Protein backbone atom coordinates (compact mmCIF):
# COMPACT_ATOMS: atom_id res chain seq x y z
CA MET A 1 0.01 -0.04 0.01
CA THR A 2 1.45 3.44 0.81
CA ASP A 3 2.55 5.22 4.02
CA THR A 4 -1.12 6.03 4.77
CA PHE A 5 -3.50 3.11 5.08
CA GLY A 6 -6.32 4.82 3.03
CA THR A 7 -4.30 5.54 -0.13
CA PRO A 8 -3.78 2.38 -2.17
CA SER A 9 -0.96 1.78 -4.68
CA ARG A 10 -0.18 -0.84 -7.26
CA ARG A 11 2.88 -2.06 -5.28
CA GLY A 12 0.78 -2.32 -2.09
CA PHE A 13 -1.91 -4.24 -3.90
CA LEU A 14 0.61 -6.66 -5.38
CA GLY A 15 2.12 -7.20 -1.93
CA LEU A 16 -1.32 -7.85 -0.46
CA ALA A 17 -2.11 -10.30 -3.31
CA LEU A 18 1.15 -12.19 -2.84
CA GLY A 19 0.60 -12.32 0.89
CA ALA A 20 -2.88 -13.74 0.45
CA GLY A 21 -1.60 -16.29 -1.99
CA ALA A 22 1.14 -17.39 0.43
CA PHE A 23 -1.41 -17.61 3.21
CA GLY A 24 -3.64 -19.80 0.98
CA LEU A 25 -0.73 -22.08 0.16
CA ALA A 26 0.17 -22.43 3.79
CA GLY A 27 -3.21 -24.04 4.27
CA ALA A 28 -2.81 -26.33 1.36
CA GLY A 29 -1.23 -29.06 3.45
CA LYS A 30 -4.08 -29.13 5.95
CA ALA A 31 -5.76 -32.41 6.73
CA ALA A 32 -9.08 -33.09 5.00
CA PRO A 33 -12.19 -32.02 6.92
CA ARG A 34 -13.50 -34.53 9.40
CA GLN A 35 -15.94 -37.07 7.93
CA VAL A 36 -19.45 -37.36 9.19
CA LYS A 37 -20.75 -40.89 9.89
CA THR A 38 -24.10 -41.50 8.23
CA ASN A 39 -26.14 -44.18 6.53
CA ALA A 40 -27.89 -41.65 4.34
CA ASN A 41 -29.12 -42.81 0.88
CA ILE A 42 -28.38 -39.86 -1.41
CA LEU A 43 -29.72 -39.78 -5.00
CA ILE A 44 -28.29 -37.20 -7.41
CA LEU A 45 -30.13 -36.65 -10.78
CA GLY A 46 -27.63 -35.41 -13.32
CA ALA A 47 -23.92 -36.37 -13.73
CA GLY A 48 -22.78 -33.17 -15.37
CA ALA A 49 -20.28 -30.82 -13.75
CA ALA A 50 -22.57 -29.98 -10.81
CA GLY A 51 -23.73 -33.58 -10.11
CA ALA A 52 -20.28 -35.11 -10.47
CA ALA A 53 -18.60 -32.46 -8.37
CA LEU A 54 -21.18 -32.81 -5.56
CA ALA A 55 -20.86 -36.59 -5.56
CA ASN A 56 -17.12 -36.24 -5.17
CA ARG A 57 -17.52 -33.74 -2.32
CA LEU A 58 -20.10 -35.85 -0.55
CA ILE A 59 -18.12 -39.11 -0.80
CA GLU A 60 -15.15 -37.25 0.69
CA ARG A 61 -17.14 -35.82 3.61
CA LEU A 62 -19.65 -38.58 4.40
CA ASP A 63 -18.58 -41.88 5.84
CA GLY A 64 -21.07 -44.66 5.10
CA ALA A 65 -23.39 -42.73 2.80
CA ALA A 66 -24.81 -44.50 -0.26
CA ILE A 67 -24.49 -42.12 -3.19
CA THR A 68 -26.12 -42.84 -6.50
CA LEU A 69 -26.00 -40.65 -9.63
CA VAL A 70 -28.55 -41.01 -12.38
CA ASP A 71 -27.79 -39.81 -15.92
CA GLY A 72 -28.64 -41.43 -19.29
CA ARG A 73 -25.64 -40.06 -21.11
CA ARG A 74 -22.47 -42.18 -20.94
CA GLU A 75 -20.29 -39.28 -22.09
CA HIS A 76 -19.49 -36.25 -19.98
CA TRP A 77 -19.45 -33.04 -21.97
CA TYR A 78 -17.26 -30.22 -20.70
CA GLN A 79 -19.45 -27.48 -22.10
CA PRO A 80 -17.00 -24.53 -21.58
CA GLY A 81 -14.70 -26.40 -23.97
CA PHE A 82 -17.35 -26.05 -26.78
CA SER A 83 -16.35 -22.47 -27.30
CA LEU A 84 -12.77 -23.56 -27.97
CA ILE A 85 -14.02 -26.09 -30.40
CA ALA A 86 -16.26 -23.54 -32.15
CA ALA A 87 -13.29 -21.17 -32.37
CA GLY A 88 -11.21 -23.79 -34.12
CA LEU A 89 -8.73 -24.06 -31.25
CA LYS A 90 -9.55 -27.62 -30.17
CA PRO A 91 -10.89 -30.76 -31.93
CA ALA A 92 -14.49 -31.90 -31.39
CA ARG A 93 -13.53 -34.71 -28.96
CA TYR A 94 -11.52 -32.29 -26.73
CA SER A 95 -14.45 -31.78 -24.37
CA VAL A 96 -15.78 -35.29 -24.24
CA SER A 97 -14.89 -37.92 -21.67
CA GLN A 98 -16.62 -40.84 -19.97
CA THR A 99 -18.84 -39.83 -17.03
CA THR A 100 -17.26 -42.65 -14.95
CA ASP A 101 -13.88 -40.91 -15.40
CA TRP A 102 -15.07 -38.21 -12.94
CA LEU A 103 -16.64 -40.37 -10.25
CA PRO A 104 -15.10 -42.11 -7.27
CA SER A 105 -15.48 -45.90 -7.21
CA ASP A 106 -17.75 -45.61 -4.18
CA VAL A 107 -20.43 -43.74 -6.21
CA THR A 108 -23.01 -45.84 -8.10
CA LEU A 109 -23.88 -44.66 -11.58
CA LYS A 110 -27.24 -45.54 -13.09
CA GLN A 111 -27.02 -44.89 -16.79
CA ASP A 112 -30.73 -44.11 -17.38
CA TRP A 113 -32.96 -41.06 -17.39
CA ALA A 114 -35.19 -40.09 -14.49
CA ALA A 115 -38.78 -40.31 -15.63
CA ASN A 116 -40.80 -39.43 -12.50
CA ILE A 117 -40.10 -38.04 -9.03
CA ASP A 118 -42.43 -38.96 -6.17
CA PRO A 119 -41.26 -36.72 -3.32
CA GLU A 120 -43.89 -37.99 -0.82
CA ALA A 121 -42.74 -41.62 -1.19
CA ARG A 122 -39.13 -40.51 -1.73
CA LYS A 123 -38.75 -42.49 -4.92
CA VAL A 124 -37.55 -41.78 -8.44
CA ALA A 125 -38.75 -43.89 -11.34
CA LEU A 126 -36.21 -44.34 -14.18
CA ALA A 127 -37.13 -44.50 -17.82
CA GLY A 128 -36.12 -48.21 -17.92
CA GLY A 129 -38.59 -49.03 -15.13
CA GLU A 130 -36.27 -49.24 -12.17
CA VAL A 131 -37.45 -47.36 -8.99
CA LEU A 132 -34.94 -45.84 -6.62
CA SER A 133 -35.60 -44.75 -3.11
CA TYR A 134 -33.78 -41.94 -1.37
CA ASP A 135 -33.30 -40.08 1.91
CA TYR A 136 -31.98 -37.00 0.17
CA LEU A 137 -32.56 -36.01 -3.48
CA ILE A 138 -30.44 -33.58 -5.36
CA VAL A 139 -31.68 -32.44 -8.82
CA ALA A 140 -28.73 -31.21 -10.94
CA THR A 141 -30.06 -31.97 -14.37
CA GLY A 142 -28.87 -28.80 -16.00
CA LEU A 143 -30.82 -27.19 -18.78
CA SER A 144 -32.45 -28.55 -21.87
CA LEU A 145 -31.89 -26.71 -25.11
CA ASP A 146 -35.02 -26.42 -27.23
CA HIS A 147 -33.79 -25.72 -30.75
CA ASP A 148 -37.19 -26.56 -32.09
CA ALA A 149 -38.58 -23.43 -30.40
CA ILE A 150 -36.62 -21.30 -32.86
CA GLU A 151 -38.85 -20.68 -35.80
CA GLY A 152 -37.15 -21.69 -39.05
CA PHE A 153 -34.16 -23.25 -37.37
CA SER A 154 -33.04 -26.84 -37.38
CA LEU A 155 -29.80 -28.40 -36.16
CA ASP A 156 -29.38 -29.79 -39.73
CA MET A 157 -28.55 -26.18 -40.75
CA VAL A 158 -25.53 -25.93 -38.49
CA GLY A 159 -22.35 -25.61 -40.47
CA GLN A 160 -24.03 -24.19 -43.53
CA ASP A 161 -24.45 -20.57 -44.66
CA GLY A 162 -22.66 -19.21 -41.54
CA ILE A 163 -25.15 -20.80 -39.06
CA GLY A 164 -23.72 -22.17 -35.88
CA ALA A 165 -24.89 -23.74 -32.58
CA LEU A 166 -22.31 -23.67 -29.89
CA TYR A 167 -23.97 -25.72 -27.11
CA ALA A 168 -25.85 -28.38 -29.04
CA GLY A 169 -22.85 -30.70 -28.62
CA PRO A 170 -19.20 -31.01 -29.57
CA ASP A 171 -19.94 -32.02 -33.14
CA TYR A 172 -22.16 -29.00 -33.70
CA ALA A 173 -19.43 -26.76 -32.16
CA ALA A 174 -17.03 -28.24 -34.73
CA LYS A 175 -19.55 -27.60 -37.54
CA THR A 176 -19.84 -24.04 -36.24
CA TRP A 177 -16.08 -23.55 -36.76
CA GLN A 178 -16.34 -25.08 -40.24
CA ALA A 179 -19.04 -22.60 -41.12
């Protein structure tokens, strides 16, 4: 900072930032937070970034919990990477991995779609007919793109005449670059 506390300077700011970074690194070697013993049955709908991250956090913090993720898509799409694909900086497969690559072995993955939630009975019916019960339900299904709601537009048009669709999937992001 400067000689007076209330007058900031670039040098003072950099010193403060470096000090904060060093303070953060000093805590990097801390032991993991204490686990909580539980027999909770936790069901997470959606194995995208939010669902997978939460499953990882919960398995780390909860000792004895049964954690199940439900998602019908086998592939995990890193959607922020779609912008790099559409810009021609990365290939289409850059942002695609297997959902199981992001999950601890203690988490159960049901590769199916949730069809119905019965909150009173604490059950979720899957599209394939299986019914799962839960103590805690987390809905992290993300959003659904509705390209059909755009009058005159079809995903078949992507890659032609300068038409692009960034978040329709990695292949469409690549077609956007080609256009």
